[in-house]
Amino acid sequence: MSDEFNFGKAEDARDKGMAEAKLNRSTLTWQQDAGRWFMTLPEGTTFTMDDVIRAVGLPSEGANRNNVVGAWINGLARMKFISWTGRLVKSERVTRHAGEAKEWRKIR
């Protein structure tokens, strides 16, 4: 099997990238702002990545600024603060080219 297609390695690479994004000093302020925004949401509120970026913007630095947002959302899901509604929503952000994004629900 080619190294190009290896689910275990893909998961490892995802986890490593998320850890690096979360620990990057240039994104800490953004993570704090996003966390404050999230904590103001009532339980049951649904949101997408677009809503997070609309509320607090993208991190100010880094080539992978979008990855930081994804890592932050994934962290909330892993900690059981949010759950996927099962719904995919078309992104309104021009740079996303109307791509689909998950809709999340705050559960605690």
PDB file of N, CA and C in Angstrom:
ATOM      1  N   MET A   1       0.852  -1.182   0.000  1.00  0.00           N
ATOM      2  CA  MET A   1       0.000   0.000   0.000  1.00  0.00           C
ATOM      3  C   MET A   1       0.895   1.241   0.000  1.00  0.00           C
ATOM      4  N   SER A   2       0.529   2.190  -0.776  1.00  0.00           N
ATOM      5  CA  SER A   2       1.265   3.444  -0.885  1.00  0.00           C
ATOM      6  C   SER A   2       1.130   4.258   0.408  1.00  0.00           C
ATOM      7  N   ASP A   3       2.186   5.004   0.740  1.00  0.00           N
ATOM      8  CA  ASP A   3       2.119   5.898   1.905  1.00  0.00           C
ATOM      9  C   ASP A   3       1.145   7.043   1.685  1.00  0.00           C
ATOM     10  N   GLU A   4       0.740   7.263   0.432  1.00  0.00           N
ATOM     11  CA  GLU A   4      -0.196   8.330   0.134  1.00  0.00           C
ATOM     12  C   GLU A   4      -1.580   8.039   0.727  1.00  0.00           C
ATOM     13  N   PHE A   5      -1.922   6.767   0.878  1.00  0.00           N
ATOM     14  CA  PHE A   5      -3.216   6.358   1.397  1.00  0.00           C
ATOM     15  C   PHE A   5      -3.015   5.483   2.619  1.00  0.00           C
ATOM     16  N   ASN A   6      -3.016   6.104   3.785  1.00  0.00           N
ATOM     17  CA  ASN A   6      -2.821   5.374   5.024  1.00  0.00           C
ATOM     18  C   ASN A   6      -3.598   6.108   6.109  1.00  0.00           C
ATOM     19  N   PHE A   7      -4.744   5.563   6.494  1.00  0.00           N
ATOM     20  CA  PHE A   7      -5.633   6.254   7.423  1.00  0.00           C
ATOM     21  C   PHE A   7      -4.959   6.524   8.767  1.00  0.00           C
ATOM     22  N   GLY A   8      -4.214   5.570   9.289  1.00  0.00           N
ATOM     23  CA  GLY A   8      -3.525   5.766  10.572  1.00  0.00           C
ATOM     24  C   GLY A   8      -2.541   6.919  10.516  1.00  0.00           C
ATOM     25  N   LYS A   9      -1.748   6.969   9.431  1.00  0.00           N
ATOM     26  CA  LYS A   9      -0.798   8.070   9.264  1.00  0.00           C
ATOM     27  C   LYS A   9      -1.527   9.392   9.058  1.00  0.00           C
ATOM     28  N   ALA A  10      -2.654   9.348   8.372  1.00  0.00           N
ATOM     29  CA  ALA A  10      -3.439  10.566   8.151  1.00  0.00           C
ATOM     30  C   ALA A  10      -3.951  11.127   9.481  1.00  0.00           C
ATOM     31  N   GLU A  11      -4.436  10.227  10.350  1.00  0.00           N
ATOM     32  CA  GLU A  11      -4.898  10.676  11.666  1.00  0.00           C
ATOM     33  C   GLU A  11      -3.741  11.236  12.494  1.00  0.00           C
ATOM     34  N   ASP A  12      -2.598  10.580  12.444  1.00  0.00           N
ATOM     35  CA  ASP A  12      -1.422  11.070  13.177  1.00  0.00           C
ATOM     36  C   ASP A  12      -1.014  12.458  12.692  1.00  0.00           C
ATOM     37  N   ALA A  13      -1.008  12.651  11.373  1.00  0.00           N
ATOM     38  CA  ALA A  13      -0.641  13.954  10.804  1.00  0.00           C
ATOM     39  C   ALA A  13      -1.645  15.022  11.220  1.00  0.00           C
ATOM     40  N   ARG A  14      -2.940  14.667  11.238  1.00  0.00           N
ATOM     41  CA  ARG A  14      -3.978  15.601  11.685  1.00  0.00           C
ATOM     42  C   ARG A  14      -3.740  16.022  13.123  1.00  0.00           C
ATOM     43  N   ASP A  15      -3.514  15.050  13.983  1.00  0.00           N
ATOM     44  CA  ASP A  15      -3.318  15.341  15.406  1.00  0.00           C
ATOM     45  C   ASP A  15      -2.066  16.185  15.643  1.00  0.00           C
ATOM     46  N   LYS A  16      -1.003  15.883  14.920  1.00  0.00           N
ATOM     47  CA  LYS A  16       0.233  16.663  15.058  1.00  0.00           C
ATOM     48  C   LYS A  16       0.011  18.101  14.594  1.00  0.00           C
ATOM     49  N   GLY A  17      -0.643  18.271  13.471  1.00  0.00           N
ATOM     50  CA  GLY A  17      -0.921  19.612  12.955  1.00  0.00           C
ATOM     51  C   GLY A  17      -1.814  20.412  13.884  1.00  0.00           C
ATOM     52  N   MET A  18      -2.812  19.760  14.461  1.00  0.00           N
ATOM     53  CA  MET A  18      -3.710  20.453  15.397  1.00  0.00           C
ATOM     54  C   MET A  18      -2.948  20.891  16.636  1.00  0.00           C
ATOM     55  N   ALA A  19      -2.087  20.038  17.147  1.00  0.00           N
ATOM     56  CA  ALA A  19      -1.307  20.386  18.335  1.00  0.00           C
ATOM     57  C   ALA A  19      -0.395  21.567  18.049  1.00  0.00           C
ATOM     58  N   GLU A  20       0.240  21.569  16.887  1.00  0.00           N
ATOM     59  CA  GLU A  20       1.118  22.681  16.516  1.00  0.00           C
ATOM     60  C   GLU A  20       0.330  23.972  16.369  1.00  0.00           C
ATOM     61  N   ALA A  21      -0.840  23.903  15.755  1.00  0.00           N
ATOM     62  CA  ALA A  21      -1.661  25.102  15.577  1.00  0.00           C
ATOM     63  C   ALA A  21      -2.108  25.671  16.915  1.00  0.00           C
ATOM     64  N   LYS A  22      -2.485  24.789  17.846  1.00  0.00           N
ATOM     65  CA  LYS A  22      -2.959  25.255  19.153  1.00  0.00           C
ATOM     66  C   LYS A  22      -1.858  25.883  19.985  1.00  0.00           C
ATOM     67  N   LEU A  23      -0.619  25.425  19.816  1.00  0.00           N
ATOM     68  CA  LEU A  23       0.481  25.899  20.645  1.00  0.00           C
ATOM     69  C   LEU A  23       1.233  27.075  20.044  1.00  0.00           C
ATOM     70  N   ASN A  24       0.912  27.456  18.838  1.00  0.00           N
ATOM     71  CA  ASN A  24       1.588  28.561  18.185  1.00  0.00           C
ATOM     72  C   ASN A  24       1.262  29.865  18.914  1.00  0.00           C
ATOM     73  N   ARG A  25       2.273  30.546  19.412  1.00  0.00           N
ATOM     74  CA  ARG A  25       2.069  31.771  20.193  1.00  0.00           C
ATOM     75  C   ARG A  25       1.293  32.843  19.442  1.00  0.00           C
ATOM     76  N   SER A  26       1.479  32.912  18.132  1.00  0.00           N
ATOM     77  CA  SER A  26       0.802  33.959  17.368  1.00  0.00           C
ATOM     78  C   SER A  26      -0.709  33.737  17.297  1.00  0.00           C
ATOM     79  N   THR A  27      -1.167  32.545  17.655  1.00  0.00           N
ATOM     80  CA  THR A  27      -2.608  32.284  17.603  1.00  0.00           C
ATOM     81  C   THR A  27      -3.267  32.287  18.982  1.00  0.00           C
ATOM     82  N   LEU A  28      -2.488  32.426  20.035  1.00  0.00           N
ATOM     83  CA  LEU A  28      -3.065  32.369  21.382  1.00  0.00           C
ATOM     84  C   LEU A  28      -4.107  33.452  21.619  1.00  0.00           C
ATOM     85  N   THR A  29      -3.832  34.666  21.177  1.00  0.00           N
ATOM     86  CA  THR A  29      -4.807  35.753  21.352  1.00  0.00           C
ATOM     87  C   THR A  29      -6.093  35.431  20.606  1.00  0.00           C
ATOM     88  N   TRP A  30      -5.948  34.908  19.387  1.00  0.00           N
ATOM     89  CA  TRP A  30      -7.136  34.538  18.621  1.00  0.00           C
ATOM     90  C   TRP A  30      -7.934  33.464  19.355  1.00  0.00           C
ATOM     91  N   GLN A  31      -7.252  32.457  19.886  1.00  0.00           N
ATOM     92  CA  GLN A  31      -7.935  31.382  20.606  1.00  0.00           C
ATOM     93  C   GLN A  31      -8.684  31.923  21.828  1.00  0.00           C
ATOM     94  N   GLN A  32      -8.090  32.869  22.513  1.00  0.00           N
ATOM     95  CA  GLN A  32      -8.756  33.475  23.676  1.00  0.00           C
ATOM     96  C   GLN A  32      -9.997  34.238  23.235  1.00  0.00           C
ATOM     97  N   ASP A  33      -9.889  35.007  22.141  1.00  0.00           N
ATOM     98  CA  ASP A  33     -11.045  35.751  21.627  1.00  0.00           C
ATOM     99  C   ASP A  33     -12.153  34.803  21.197  1.00  0.00           C
ATOM    100  N   ALA A  34     -11.776  33.736  20.493  1.00  0.00           N
ATOM    101  CA  ALA A  34     -12.769  32.758  20.048  1.00  0.00           C
ATOM    102  C   ALA A  34     -13.422  32.067  21.247  1.00  0.00           C
ATOM    103  N   GLY A  35     -12.636  31.755  22.256  1.00  0.00           N
ATOM    104  CA  GLY A  35     -13.186  31.130  23.461  1.00  0.00           C
ATOM    105  C   GLY A  35     -14.179  32.035  24.171  1.00  0.00           C
ATOM    106  N   ARG A  36     -13.852  33.316  24.265  1.00  0.00           N
ATOM    107  CA  ARG A  36     -14.793  34.265  24.897  1.00  0.00           C
ATOM    108  C   ARG A  36     -16.086  34.342  24.102  1.00  0.00           C
ATOM    109  N   TRP A  37     -15.961  34.395  22.762  1.00  0.00           N
ATOM    110  CA  TRP A  37     -17.154  34.426  21.917  1.00  0.00           C
ATOM    111  C   TRP A  37     -17.988  33.167  22.152  1.00  0.00           C
ATOM    112  N   PHE A  38     -17.341  32.010  22.147  1.00  0.00           N
ATOM    113  CA  PHE A  38     -18.044  30.746  22.317  1.00  0.00           C
ATOM    114  C   PHE A  38     -18.780  30.693  23.656  1.00  0.00           C
ATOM    115  N   MET A  39     -18.146  31.165  24.714  1.00  0.00           N
ATOM    116  CA  MET A  39     -18.751  31.089  26.043  1.00  0.00           C
ATOM    117  C   MET A  39     -20.003  31.966  26.161  1.00  0.00           C
ATOM    118  N   THR A  40     -20.153  32.967  25.290  1.00  0.00           N
ATOM    119  CA  THR A  40     -21.361  33.804  25.329  1.00  0.00           C
ATOM    120  C   THR A  40     -22.552  33.148  24.645  1.00  0.00           C
ATOM    121  N   LEU A  41     -22.304  32.083  23.876  1.00  0.00           N
ATOM    122  CA  LEU A  41     -23.399  31.423  23.163  1.00  0.00           C
ATOM    123  C   LEU A  41     -24.247  30.603  24.130  1.00  0.00           C
ATOM    124  N   PRO A  42     -25.558  30.718  24.042  1.00  0.00           N
ATOM    125  CA  PRO A  42     -26.414  29.851  24.858  1.00  0.00           C
ATOM    126  C   PRO A  42     -26.307  28.399  24.394  1.00  0.00           C
ATOM    127  N   GLU A  43     -26.471  27.465  25.315  1.00  0.00           N
ATOM    128  CA  GLU A  43     -26.505  26.054  24.936  1.00  0.00           C
ATOM    129  C   GLU A  43     -27.596  25.852  23.894  1.00  0.00           C
ATOM    130  N   GLY A  44     -27.316  24.990  22.934  1.00  0.00           N
ATOM    131  CA  GLY A  44     -28.268  24.718  21.858  1.00  0.00           C
ATOM    132  C   GLY A  44     -28.045  25.566  20.619  1.00  0.00           C
ATOM    133  N   THR A  45     -27.223  26.605  20.713  1.00  0.00           N
ATOM    134  CA  THR A  45     -26.933  27.456  19.569  1.00  0.00           C
ATOM    135  C   THR A  45     -26.181  26.667  18.514  1.00  0.00           C
ATOM    136  N   THR A  46     -26.563  26.844  17.261  1.00  0.00           N
ATOM    137  CA  THR A  46     -25.832  26.220  16.160  1.00  0.00           C
ATOM    138  C   THR A  46     -24.950  27.278  15.493  1.00  0.00           C
ATOM    139  N   PHE A  47     -23.818  26.806  14.970  1.00  0.00           N
ATOM    140  CA  PHE A  47     -22.893  27.726  14.309  1.00  0.00           C
ATOM    141  C   PHE A  47     -22.005  26.952  13.341  1.00  0.00           C
ATOM    142  N   THR A  48     -21.357  27.695  12.464  1.00  0.00           N
ATOM    143  CA  THR A  48     -20.390  27.141  11.525  1.00  0.00           C
ATOM    144  C   THR A  48     -19.074  27.901  11.676  1.00  0.00           C
ATOM    145  N   MET A  49     -18.084  27.443  10.951  1.00  0.00           N
ATOM    146  CA  MET A  49     -16.796  28.118  10.939  1.00  0.00           C
ATOM    147  C   MET A  49     -16.963  29.570  10.479  1.00  0.00           C
ATOM    148  N   ASP A  50     -17.876  29.806   9.542  1.00  0.00           N
ATOM    149  CA  ASP A  50     -18.130  31.175   9.086  1.00  0.00           C
ATOM    150  C   ASP A  50     -18.545  32.066  10.246  1.00  0.00           C
ATOM    151  N   ASP A  51     -19.381  31.550  11.135  1.00  0.00           N
ATOM    152  CA  ASP A  51     -19.844  32.345  12.272  1.00  0.00           C
ATOM    153  C   ASP A  51     -18.691  32.714  13.203  1.00  0.00           C
ATOM    154  N   VAL A  52     -17.794  31.768  13.424  1.00  0.00           N
ATOM    155  CA  VAL A  52     -16.633  32.038  14.282  1.00  0.00           C
ATOM    156  C   VAL A  52     -15.785  33.136  13.657  1.00  0.00           C
ATOM    157  N   ILE A  53     -15.497  33.001  12.374  1.00  0.00           N
ATOM    158  CA  ILE A  53     -14.645  33.970  11.686  1.00  0.00           C
ATOM    159  C   ILE A  53     -15.336  35.324  11.580  1.00  0.00           C
ATOM    160  N   ARG A  54     -16.641  35.331  11.370  1.00  0.00           N
ATOM    161  CA  ARG A  54     -17.397  36.584  11.334  1.00  0.00           C
ATOM    162  C   ARG A  54     -17.303  37.304  12.682  1.00  0.00           C
ATOM    163  N   ALA A  55     -17.315  36.537  13.763  1.00  0.00           N
ATOM    164  CA  ALA A  55     -17.311  37.126  15.108  1.00  0.00           C
ATOM    165  C   ALA A  55     -15.929  37.594  15.547  1.00  0.00           C
ATOM    166  N   VAL A  56     -14.889  36.814  15.275  1.00  0.00           N
ATOM    167  CA  VAL A  56     -13.555  37.148  15.807  1.00  0.00           C
ATOM    168  C   VAL A  56     -12.477  37.266  14.735  1.00  0.00           C
ATOM    169  N   GLY A  57     -12.827  37.048  13.471  1.00  0.00           N
ATOM    170  CA  GLY A  57     -11.850  37.136  12.401  1.00  0.00           C
ATOM    171  C   GLY A  57     -10.959  35.903  12.368  1.00  0.00           C
ATOM    172  N   LEU A  58      -9.981  35.942  11.480  1.00  0.00           N
ATOM    173  CA  LEU A  58      -8.982  34.883  11.391  1.00  0.00           C
ATOM    174  C   LEU A  58      -7.788  35.260  12.258  1.00  0.00           C
ATOM    175  N   PRO A  59      -7.003  34.292  12.681  1.00  0.00           N
ATOM    176  CA  PRO A  59      -5.761  34.629  13.384  1.00  0.00           C
ATOM    177  C   PRO A  59      -4.942  35.587  12.520  1.00  0.00           C
ATOM    178  N   SER A  60      -4.216  36.489  13.156  1.00  0.00           N
ATOM    179  CA  SER A  60      -3.528  37.550  12.418  1.00  0.00           C
ATOM    180  C   SER A  60      -2.286  37.083  11.685  1.00  0.00           C
ATOM    181  N   GLU A  61      -1.723  35.954  12.054  1.00  0.00           N
ATOM    182  CA  GLU A  61      -0.473  35.506  11.438  1.00  0.00           C
ATOM    183  C   GLU A  61      -0.563  34.050  11.014  1.00  0.00           C
ATOM    184  N   GLY A  62       0.370  33.691  10.159  1.00  0.00           N
ATOM    185  CA  GLY A  62       0.528  32.293   9.807  1.00  0.00           C
ATOM    186  C   GLY A  62      -0.081  31.933   8.468  1.00  0.00           C
ATOM    187  N   ALA A  63       0.627  31.073   7.758  1.00  0.00           N
ATOM    188  CA  ALA A  63       0.158  30.631   6.445  1.00  0.00           C
ATOM    189  C   ALA A  63      -1.067  29.741   6.561  1.00  0.00           C
ATOM    190  N   ASN A  64      -1.225  29.070   7.686  1.00  0.00           N
ATOM    191  CA  ASN A  64      -2.327  28.121   7.865  1.00  0.00           C
ATOM    192  C   ASN A  64      -3.360  28.658   8.853  1.00  0.00           C
ATOM    193  N   ARG A  65      -3.741  29.911   8.691  1.00  0.00           N
ATOM    194  CA  ARG A  65      -4.693  30.536   9.621  1.00  0.00           C
ATOM    195  C   ARG A  65      -6.010  29.787   9.685  1.00  0.00           C
ATOM    196  N   ASN A  66      -6.472  29.280   8.543  1.00  0.00           N
ATOM    197  CA  ASN A  66      -7.724  28.520   8.529  1.00  0.00           C
ATOM    198  C   ASN A  66      -7.593  27.224   9.323  1.00  0.00           C
ATOM    199  N   ASN A  67      -6.402  26.623   9.314  1.00  0.00           N
ATOM    200  CA  ASN A  67      -6.194  25.394  10.069  1.00  0.00           C
ATOM    201  C   ASN A  67      -6.341  25.636  11.562  1.00  0.00           C
ATOM    202  N   VAL A  68      -5.964  26.815  12.026  1.00  0.00           N
ATOM    203  CA  VAL A  68      -6.107  27.146  13.446  1.00  0.00           C
ATOM    204  C   VAL A  68      -7.582  27.131  13.831  1.00  0.00           C
ATOM    205  N   VAL A  69      -8.425  27.678  12.981  1.00  0.00           N
ATOM    206  CA  VAL A  69      -9.869  27.695  13.256  1.00  0.00           C
ATOM    207  C   VAL A  69     -10.395  26.266  13.303  1.00  0.00           C
ATOM    208  N   GLY A  70     -10.001  25.451  12.344  1.00  0.00           N
ATOM    209  CA  GLY A  70     -10.435  24.057  12.324  1.00  0.00           C
ATOM    210  C   GLY A  70      -9.948  23.281  13.533  1.00  0.00           C
ATOM    211  N   ALA A  71      -8.699  23.525  13.929  1.00  0.00           N
ATOM    212  CA  ALA A  71      -8.152  22.852  15.112  1.00  0.00           C
ATOM    213  C   ALA A  71      -8.904  23.266  16.365  1.00  0.00           C
ATOM    214  N   TRP A  72      -9.269  24.539  16.448  1.00  0.00           N
ATOM    215  CA  TRP A  72     -10.013  25.039  17.609  1.00  0.00           C
ATOM    216  C   TRP A  72     -11.384  24.359  17.689  1.00  0.00           C
ATOM    217  N   ILE A  73     -12.078  24.290  16.561  1.00  0.00           N
ATOM    218  CA  ILE A  73     -13.392  23.633  16.532  1.00  0.00           C
ATOM    219  C   ILE A  73     -13.247  22.151  16.869  1.00  0.00           C
ATOM    220  N   ASN A  74     -12.252  21.504  16.299  1.00  0.00           N
ATOM    221  CA  ASN A  74     -12.041  20.086  16.578  1.00  0.00           C
ATOM    222  C   ASN A  74     -11.769  19.867  18.063  1.00  0.00           C
ATOM    223  N   GLY A  75     -11.029  20.773  18.681  1.00  0.00           N
ATOM    224  CA  GLY A  75     -10.764  20.670  20.113  1.00  0.00           C
ATOM    225  C   GLY A  75     -12.045  20.762  20.930  1.00  0.00           C
ATOM    226  N   LEU A  76     -12.949  21.669  20.546  1.00  0.00           N
ATOM    227  CA  LEU A  76     -14.236  21.778  21.245  1.00  0.00           C
ATOM    228  C   LEU A  76     -15.036  20.483  21.115  1.00  0.00           C
ATOM    229  N   ALA A  77     -14.994  19.891  19.924  1.00  0.00           N
ATOM    230  CA  ALA A  77     -15.729  18.640  19.702  1.00  0.00           C
ATOM    231  C   ALA A  77     -15.138  17.507  20.536  1.00  0.00           C
ATOM    232  N   ARG A  78     -13.824  17.422  20.574  1.00  0.00           N
ATOM    233  CA  ARG A  78     -13.170  16.364  21.364  1.00  0.00           C
ATOM    234  C   ARG A  78     -13.456  16.511  22.859  1.00  0.00           C
ATOM    235  N   MET A  79     -13.593  17.750  23.320  1.00  0.00           N
ATOM    236  CA  MET A  79     -13.876  17.987  24.740  1.00  0.00           C
ATOM    237  C   MET A  79     -15.376  17.941  25.036  1.00  0.00           C
ATOM    238  N   LYS A  80     -16.171  17.609  24.024  1.00  0.00           N
ATOM    239  CA  LYS A  80     -17.622  17.454  24.167  1.00  0.00           C
ATOM    240  C   LYS A  80     -18.333  18.759  24.535  1.00  0.00           C
ATOM    241  N   PHE A  81     -17.796  19.885  24.052  1.00  0.00           N
ATOM    242  CA  PHE A  81     -18.492  21.167  24.220  1.00  0.00           C
ATOM    243  C   PHE A  81     -19.472  21.386  23.075  1.00  0.00           C
ATOM    244  N   ILE A  82     -19.203  20.736  21.934  1.00  0.00           N
ATOM    245  CA  ILE A  82     -20.055  20.870  20.760  1.00  0.00           C
ATOM    246  C   ILE A  82     -20.265  19.496  20.135  1.00  0.00           C
ATOM    247  N   SER A  83     -21.317  19.392  19.336  1.00  0.00           N
ATOM    248  CA  SER A  83     -21.536  18.171  18.559  1.00  0.00           C
ATOM    249  C   SER A  83     -21.995  18.576  17.163  1.00  0.00           C
ATOM    250  N   TRP A  84     -21.648  17.746  16.195  1.00  0.00           N
ATOM    251  CA  TRP A  84     -22.045  18.008  14.819  1.00  0.00           C
ATOM    252  C   TRP A  84     -23.530  17.746  14.681  1.00  0.00           C
ATOM    253  N   THR A  85     -24.236  18.657  14.036  1.00  0.00           N
ATOM    254  CA  THR A  85     -25.681  18.497  13.849  1.00  0.00           C
ATOM    255  C   THR A  85     -26.006  17.478  12.761  1.00  0.00           C
ATOM    256  N   GLY A  86     -25.004  17.087  11.978  1.00  0.00           N
ATOM    257  CA  GLY A  86     -25.238  16.204  10.841  1.00  0.00           C
ATOM    258  C   GLY A  86     -25.503  16.985   9.569  1.00  0.00           C
ATOM    259  N   ARG A  87     -25.501  18.283   9.696  1.00  0.00           N
ATOM    260  CA  ARG A  87     -25.828  19.165   8.575  1.00  0.00           C
ATOM    261  C   ARG A  87     -24.566  19.817   8.017  1.00  0.00           C
ATOM    262  N   LEU A  88     -24.466  19.884   6.684  1.00  0.00           N
ATOM    263  CA  LEU A  88     -23.406  20.622   6.004  1.00  0.00           C
ATOM    264  C   LEU A  88     -24.019  21.882   5.409  1.00  0.00           C
ATOM    265  N   VAL A  89     -23.318  22.997   5.585  1.00  0.00           N
ATOM    266  CA  VAL A  89     -23.822  24.299   5.146  1.00  0.00           C
ATOM    267  C   VAL A  89     -22.811  24.899   4.170  1.00  0.00           C
ATOM    268  N   LYS A  90     -23.295  25.502   3.099  1.00  0.00           N
ATOM    269  CA  LYS A  90     -22.408  26.165   2.140  1.00  0.00           C
ATOM    270  C   LYS A  90     -21.792  27.398   2.793  1.00  0.00           C
ATOM    271  N   SER A  91     -20.472  27.510   2.693  1.00  0.00           N
ATOM    272  CA  SER A  91     -19.776  28.659   3.245  1.00  0.00           C
ATOM    273  C   SER A  91     -20.067  29.908   2.410  1.00  0.00           C
ATOM    274  N   GLU A  92     -20.190  31.035   3.088  1.00  0.00           N
ATOM    275  CA  GLU A  92     -20.395  32.309   2.407  1.00  0.00           C
ATOM    276  C   GLU A  92     -19.073  33.021   2.135  1.00  0.00           C
ATOM    277  N   ARG A  93     -17.982  32.524   2.725  1.00  0.00           N
ATOM    278  CA  ARG A  93     -16.682  33.170   2.531  1.00  0.00           C
ATOM    279  C   ARG A  93     -16.192  32.947   1.111  1.00  0.00           C
ATOM    280  N   VAL A  94     -15.815  34.028   0.455  1.00  0.00           N
ATOM    281  CA  VAL A  94     -15.375  33.966  -0.934  1.00  0.00           C
ATOM    282  C   VAL A  94     -14.197  33.004  -1.095  1.00  0.00           C
ATOM    283  N   THR A  95     -13.254  33.029  -0.153  1.00  0.00           N
ATOM    284  CA  THR A  95     -12.074  32.177  -0.262  1.00  0.00           C
ATOM    285  C   THR A  95     -12.398  30.697  -0.110  1.00  0.00           C
ATOM    286  N   ARG A  96     -13.578  30.377   0.395  1.00  0.00           N
ATOM    287  CA  ARG A  96     -13.991  28.972   0.523  1.00  0.00           C
ATOM    288  C   ARG A  96     -14.728  28.475  -0.712  1.00  0.00           C
ATOM    289  N   HIS A  97     -15.005  29.371  -1.674  1.00  0.00           N
ATOM    290  CA  HIS A  97     -15.627  28.997  -2.945  1.00  0.00           C
ATOM    291  C   HIS A  97     -16.930  28.229  -2.748  1.00  0.00           C
ATOM    292  N   ALA A  98     -17.736  28.650  -1.783  1.00  0.00           N
ATOM    293  CA  ALA A  98     -19.030  28.030  -1.483  1.00  0.00           C
ATOM    294  C   ALA A  98     -18.883  26.564  -1.071  1.00  0.00           C
ATOM    295  N   GLY A  99     -17.723  26.201  -0.531  1.00  0.00           N
ATOM    296  CA  GLY A  99     -17.511  24.839  -0.048  1.00  0.00           C
ATOM    297  C   GLY A  99     -18.380  24.556   1.166  1.00  0.00           C
ATOM    298  N   GLU A 100     -18.601  23.297   1.427  1.00  0.00           N
ATOM    299  CA  GLU A 100     -19.446  22.913   2.551  1.00  0.00           C
ATOM    300  C   GLU A 100     -18.663  22.890   3.855  1.00  0.00           C
ATOM    301  N   ALA A 101     -19.337  23.280   4.922  1.00  0.00           N
ATOM    302  CA  ALA A 101     -18.747  23.266   6.262  1.00  0.00           C
ATOM    303  C   ALA A 101     -19.757  22.638   7.216  1.00  0.00           C
ATOM    304  N   LYS A 102     -19.246  21.992   8.242  1.00  0.00           N
ATOM    305  CA  LYS A 102     -20.133  21.380   9.230  1.00  0.00           C
ATOM    306  C   LYS A 102     -20.835  22.444  10.066  1.00  0.00           C
ATOM    307  N   GLU A 103     -22.058  22.126  10.435  1.00  0.00           N
ATOM    308  CA  GLU A 103     -22.792  22.955  11.390  1.00  0.00           C
ATOM    309  C   GLU A 103     -22.682  22.273  12.755  1.00  0.00           C
ATOM    310  N   TRP A 104     -22.343  23.056  13.758  1.00  0.00           N
ATOM    311  CA  TRP A 104     -22.108  22.548  15.104  1.00  0.00           C
ATOM    312  C   TRP A 104     -23.167  23.088  16.063  1.00  0.00           C
ATOM    313  N   ARG A 105     -23.416  22.345  17.148  1.00  0.00           N
ATOM    314  CA  ARG A 105     -24.344  22.765  18.200  1.00  0.00           C
ATOM    315  C   ARG A 105     -23.585  22.793  19.517  1.00  0.00           C
ATOM    316  N   LYS A 106     -23.736  23.905  20.235  1.00  0.00           N
ATOM    317  CA  LYS A 106     -23.125  23.998  21.569  1.00  0.00           C
ATOM    318  C   LYS A 106     -23.948  23.133  22.517  1.00  0.00           C
ATOM    319  N   ILE A 107     -23.276  22.196  23.183  1.00  0.00           N
ATOM    320  CA  ILE A 107     -24.005  21.302  24.095  1.00  0.00           C
ATOM    321  C   ILE A 107     -23.653  21.538  25.559  1.00  0.00           C
ATOM    322  N   ARG A 108     -22.629  22.308  25.813  1.00  0.00           N
ATOM    323  CA  ARG A 108     -22.333  22.727  27.191  1.00  0.00           C
ATOM    324  C   ARG A 108     -21.427  23.921  27.199  1.00  0.00           C
TER     325      ARG A 108
END
